[in-house]
Structures are given as structure tokens and as C-alpha cells.
Protein backbone atom coordinates (compact mmCIF):
# COMPACT_ATOMS: atom_id res chain seq x y z
CA MET A 1 -77.17 163.68 -38.66
CA GLU A 2 -79.53 163.14 -35.80
CA TYR A 3 -82.18 160.44 -36.13
CA ASN A 4 -85.17 162.81 -36.22
CA MET A 5 -83.65 164.81 -39.08
CA PHE A 6 -82.81 161.58 -40.95
CA LYS A 7 -86.36 160.29 -40.44
CA LEU A 8 -87.85 163.59 -41.61
CA LEU A 9 -85.71 163.49 -44.76
CA VAL A 10 -86.36 159.85 -45.65
CA ASP A 11 -90.07 160.03 -44.84
CA SER A 12 -90.35 162.96 -47.26
CA ILE A 13 -88.94 160.96 -50.17
CA PRO A 14 -91.80 159.72 -52.39
CA GLN A 15 -90.18 156.31 -53.01
CA PRO A 16 -90.50 153.36 -50.61
CA ILE A 17 -87.28 152.88 -48.62
CA TRP A 18 -86.30 150.25 -46.08
CA ILE A 19 -83.25 149.41 -43.99
CA LYS A 20 -82.50 145.89 -42.75
CA ASP A 21 -79.93 144.57 -40.31
CA LEU A 22 -77.47 141.87 -41.35
CA ASN A 23 -79.98 139.17 -40.31
CA LEU A 24 -82.32 140.69 -42.95
CA LYS A 25 -84.82 141.99 -40.41
CA PHE A 26 -86.40 145.39 -41.01
CA ILE A 27 -85.00 148.11 -38.75
CA TYR A 28 -86.56 151.04 -40.62
CA VAL A 29 -89.23 151.64 -43.26
CA ASN A 30 -90.20 155.09 -44.49
CA GLU A 31 -93.75 156.46 -44.67
CA GLN A 32 -94.09 155.67 -48.39
CA PHE A 33 -93.24 152.01 -47.74
CA LYS A 34 -95.82 151.90 -44.93
CA LYS A 35 -98.42 153.52 -47.19
CA ILE A 36 -97.99 150.83 -49.87
CA TYR A 37 -98.48 148.01 -47.36
CA LYS A 38 -100.96 149.69 -44.98
CA ASN A 39 -103.57 146.97 -45.62
CA MET A 40 -101.24 144.31 -44.18
CA GLY A 41 -101.48 145.70 -40.68
CA LYS A 42 -97.82 144.87 -40.03
CA ASP A 43 -95.28 147.03 -38.24
CA PHE A 44 -92.36 145.51 -40.23
CA ILE A 45 -89.75 146.52 -37.65
CA GLY A 46 -88.03 143.41 -36.31
CA LEU A 47 -89.64 141.16 -38.94
CA SER A 48 -88.02 139.47 -41.91
CA GLU A 49 -89.37 139.17 -45.47
CA ASN A 50 -90.38 135.56 -44.74
CA GLU A 51 -92.61 136.69 -41.88
CA ILE A 52 -94.43 139.21 -44.05
CA PHE A 53 -94.50 138.17 -47.70
CA ASP A 54 -95.05 134.94 -49.57
CA GLU A 55 -92.14 132.58 -50.18
CA ALA A 56 -91.46 133.57 -53.81
CA ILE A 57 -91.18 137.30 -53.00
CA SER A 58 -89.15 136.62 -49.85
CA ASP A 59 -86.70 134.30 -51.57
CA GLU A 60 -86.14 136.76 -54.42
CA CYS A 61 -85.52 139.72 -52.12
CA ASN A 62 -83.36 137.71 -49.71
CA LYS A 63 -81.24 136.51 -52.65
CA TYR A 64 -80.47 140.10 -53.66
CA CYS A 65 -79.90 141.21 -50.07
CA ASN A 66 -77.40 138.40 -49.49
CA GLU A 67 -75.65 139.27 -52.76
CA VAL A 68 -75.15 142.85 -51.51
CA ILE A 69 -73.91 141.62 -48.11
CA GLU A 70 -71.38 139.30 -49.77
CA SER A 71 -70.15 141.70 -52.47
CA LEU A 72 -70.46 144.96 -50.50
CA LYS A 73 -71.65 146.52 -53.76
CA PRO A 74 -75.06 147.96 -54.60
CA ILE A 75 -77.27 146.17 -57.11
CA THR A 76 -80.30 147.29 -59.08
CA GLU A 77 -82.92 144.81 -60.24
CA GLU A 78 -86.28 145.11 -61.94
CA GLY A 79 -89.25 143.48 -60.31
CA TYR A 80 -92.69 144.10 -58.88
CA LEU A 81 -93.72 145.82 -55.67
CA ASN A 82 -97.34 145.40 -54.71
CA GLY A 83 -98.19 144.50 -58.31
CA LYS A 84 -96.41 147.48 -59.92
CA GLN A 85 -93.34 147.19 -62.12
CA GLY A 86 -90.30 148.86 -60.66
CA LYS A 87 -86.62 148.88 -59.95
CA ILE A 88 -85.15 148.23 -56.57
CA THR A 89 -81.68 149.33 -55.65
CA ILE A 90 -80.19 147.57 -52.65
CA LEU A 91 -77.03 149.05 -51.19
CA PRO A 92 -74.67 148.28 -48.35
CA LEU A 93 -74.49 150.74 -45.46
CA ILE A 94 -70.84 150.83 -44.42
CA ASN A 95 -69.75 152.89 -41.41
CA GLU A 96 -66.64 155.05 -41.03
CA ASP A 97 -64.68 151.99 -39.82
CA LYS A 98 -65.44 150.36 -43.18
CA LYS A 99 -67.68 147.82 -41.47
CA LEU A 100 -70.98 146.75 -42.99
CA THR A 101 -73.72 147.69 -40.53
CA ALA A 102 -76.93 147.28 -42.54
CA ILE A 103 -78.40 147.28 -46.04
CA ALA A 104 -80.99 149.60 -47.55
CA GLY A 105 -83.47 149.28 -50.37
CA ILE A 106 -84.96 152.05 -52.50
CA TYR A 107 -87.79 151.33 -54.91
CA ALA A 108 -88.58 153.31 -58.08
CA ASN A 109 -91.94 152.85 -59.79
CA LEU A 110 -91.18 152.23 -63.49
CA GLU A 111 -94.85 152.52 -64.46
CA ILE A 112 -94.74 156.23 -63.59
CA ILE A 113 -91.53 156.66 -65.62
CA ASN A 114 -92.98 154.68 -68.54
CA GLU A 115 -96.18 156.76 -68.41
CA LYS A 116 -94.17 160.01 -68.54
CA ASP A 117 -92.16 158.66 -71.50
CA LYS A 118 -95.42 157.84 -73.28
CA ILE A 119 -96.78 161.37 -72.70
CA ILE A 120 -93.53 162.92 -74.00
CA GLU A 121 -93.64 160.67 -77.07
CA GLU A 122 -97.26 161.70 -77.78
CA GLN A 123 -96.34 165.38 -77.43
CA GLU A 124 -93.40 164.95 -79.79
CA THR A 125 -95.70 163.29 -82.34
CA VAL A 126 -98.18 166.17 -82.14
CA LEU A 127 -95.33 168.68 -82.50
CA LYS A 128 -94.00 166.82 -85.53
CA VAL A 129 -97.43 166.84 -87.20
CA VAL A 130 -97.75 170.58 -86.55
CA MET A 131 -94.25 171.24 -87.93
CA GLU A 132 -94.95 169.19 -91.07
CA THR A 133 -98.17 171.05 -91.81
CA LEU A 134 -96.82 174.58 -91.34
CA PRO A 135 -96.28 176.43 -94.62
CA GLY A 136 -92.64 177.16 -95.37
CA MET A 137 -89.38 175.72 -94.17
CA VAL A 138 -89.10 174.80 -90.48
CA PHE A 139 -86.01 173.46 -88.71
CA TYR A 140 -84.26 173.48 -85.39
CA LYS A 141 -80.67 172.87 -84.31
CA ASP A 142 -78.79 171.96 -81.17
CA LYS A 143 -76.32 174.31 -79.43
CA GLU A 144 -73.48 173.08 -81.66
CA GLY A 145 -75.38 174.19 -84.76
CA LYS A 146 -76.28 170.68 -85.93
CA TYR A 147 -79.71 170.10 -87.40
CA VAL A 148 -81.96 168.12 -85.07
CA TYR A 149 -85.17 168.48 -87.05
CA ALA A 150 -86.31 169.83 -90.41
CA ASN A 151 -89.73 169.62 -91.99
CA LYS A 152 -90.18 168.04 -95.42
CA GLU A 153 -90.22 171.37 -97.25
CA PHE A 154 -86.84 172.41 -95.78
CA ASP A 155 -85.36 169.00 -96.41
CA GLU A 156 -86.60 168.81 -100.00
CA PHE A 157 -85.24 172.29 -100.73
CA TYR A 158 -81.72 171.32 -99.60
CA ASN A 159 -81.66 167.58 -100.24
CA GLY A 160 -84.14 166.98 -103.02
CA LYS A 161 -86.15 163.83 -102.35
CA GLU A 162 -83.35 161.98 -100.49
CA GLY A 163 -84.93 162.21 -97.05
CA ILE A 164 -84.60 164.00 -93.74
CA ASP A 165 -82.14 161.45 -92.34
CA LYS A 166 -79.52 162.94 -94.66
CA LEU A 167 -79.91 166.35 -92.95
CA ILE A 168 -80.00 165.40 -89.26
CA GLY A 169 -76.63 165.92 -87.58
CA LYS A 170 -75.28 168.19 -90.33
CA THR A 171 -74.19 171.82 -89.90
CA ASN A 172 -74.70 174.87 -92.10
CA PHE A 173 -71.40 174.08 -93.85
CA ASP A 174 -72.71 170.61 -94.79
CA VAL A 175 -76.08 171.86 -96.02
CA HIS A 176 -75.71 175.22 -97.73
CA PRO A 177 -74.28 175.46 -101.26
CA THR A 178 -71.70 178.17 -100.56
CA LYS A 179 -69.29 178.88 -97.72
CA GLU A 180 -70.49 182.51 -97.59
CA LEU A 181 -74.09 181.42 -97.05
CA ALA A 182 -73.04 178.91 -94.40
CA LEU A 183 -71.03 181.60 -92.58
CA LYS A 184 -73.97 184.03 -92.77
CA TYR A 185 -76.40 181.49 -91.25
CA THR A 186 -73.87 180.38 -88.63
CA LYS A 187 -73.39 184.02 -87.58
CA GLU A 188 -77.17 184.43 -87.31
CA ASP A 189 -77.43 181.22 -85.25
CA THR A 190 -74.73 182.50 -82.89
CA GLU A 191 -76.57 185.82 -82.46
CA VAL A 192 -79.80 183.99 -81.65
CA LEU A 193 -78.04 181.78 -79.10
């Protein structure tokens, strides 16, 4: 791939990415990396971590970089980038002659991932409240026909007061009192799918 196409691709990725030579000097940083550190006024290219960041950050990053150089295996570590929690994956760049030529780092912002998880959890809670307050029996199953959710009314009808945990993961054959009824509902489930 020609350099301009590579640069266009990597600069379009919304995560900060860098490439360092084997002396741990930056030889490439993408636009997202530059954006995060724009207030530093540094070009990065040709500089090492020690020339840019404080000693604690430099030592930590250099430790992981050297580990990748020695093992020739990628590593992923959690840490902080510009005050935000994230994961960095550092990987060896090995050419077609199986020679290590450089290492690269890709950063993922965990705060964004954690925020999305929190939003999903809130939406699931709202959905559960709605399902519990609906009149009648409400349930849903996975593609294999196993119950994933049932409201209290459905659960109490089939399980008495034992609890929803007893229903989750079961199929029609585990829940319904007769084989004929289980077959009928399984056929209906298949038609719906």
C-alpha cells in the first residue's frame, strides 16, 4: 500500500495511533494522536517518550515497548492517556523477511466504552420496569427457544412463587405441563422466527 493511502486510512481512524522505530523514537503519529496533544506544540516525529512526557509516563510506556520488542508479541495494558482511562495495544511490525522493523501503539478510550455500557444498562432497566408493569404474561426467548426473560406474571403462572431464575435458560419442553403443549408453542416459535 502506498504511503499516502496508508496515511489516509490511519488518519481516519478515531483512535490515537503511533509508530516508533526500534530506538523508541516516533516515526508516525495519526491525526487523532496529534489532536489529543495539540497543546504541547510538539511534532513528535524523531522524538522519544522521554523528550515529550514526564518520567513516570515515559518509563511505563518504554517498559511495554521493550517487552514487545523482546517477545515479538503484542500486549494490551490499561492505563491513562491525557487523563482518560484507556487500553493501549502495542504490537510488533514485522516485515515479509520476518524482521522486526518497528512497533505500533493503538489506544482505545475505555471511558467511552464504559459510558455506552452504562447507557445500555439504564435502557435495560427501563425495559424491565415496563415489562413488569404490563398486564398479562410477557416473555422472550433466544433463537434456540430458551427463555431469556419472563415477567413475574408469566413466571408465577408456570413456576409458582419459586422465582424467575428457575425459568431462564429453559425451553418449552421444560416449562409446559404437556408434551403436546410444548410442541404447539415450539411450532409457533419456529413460525415466528
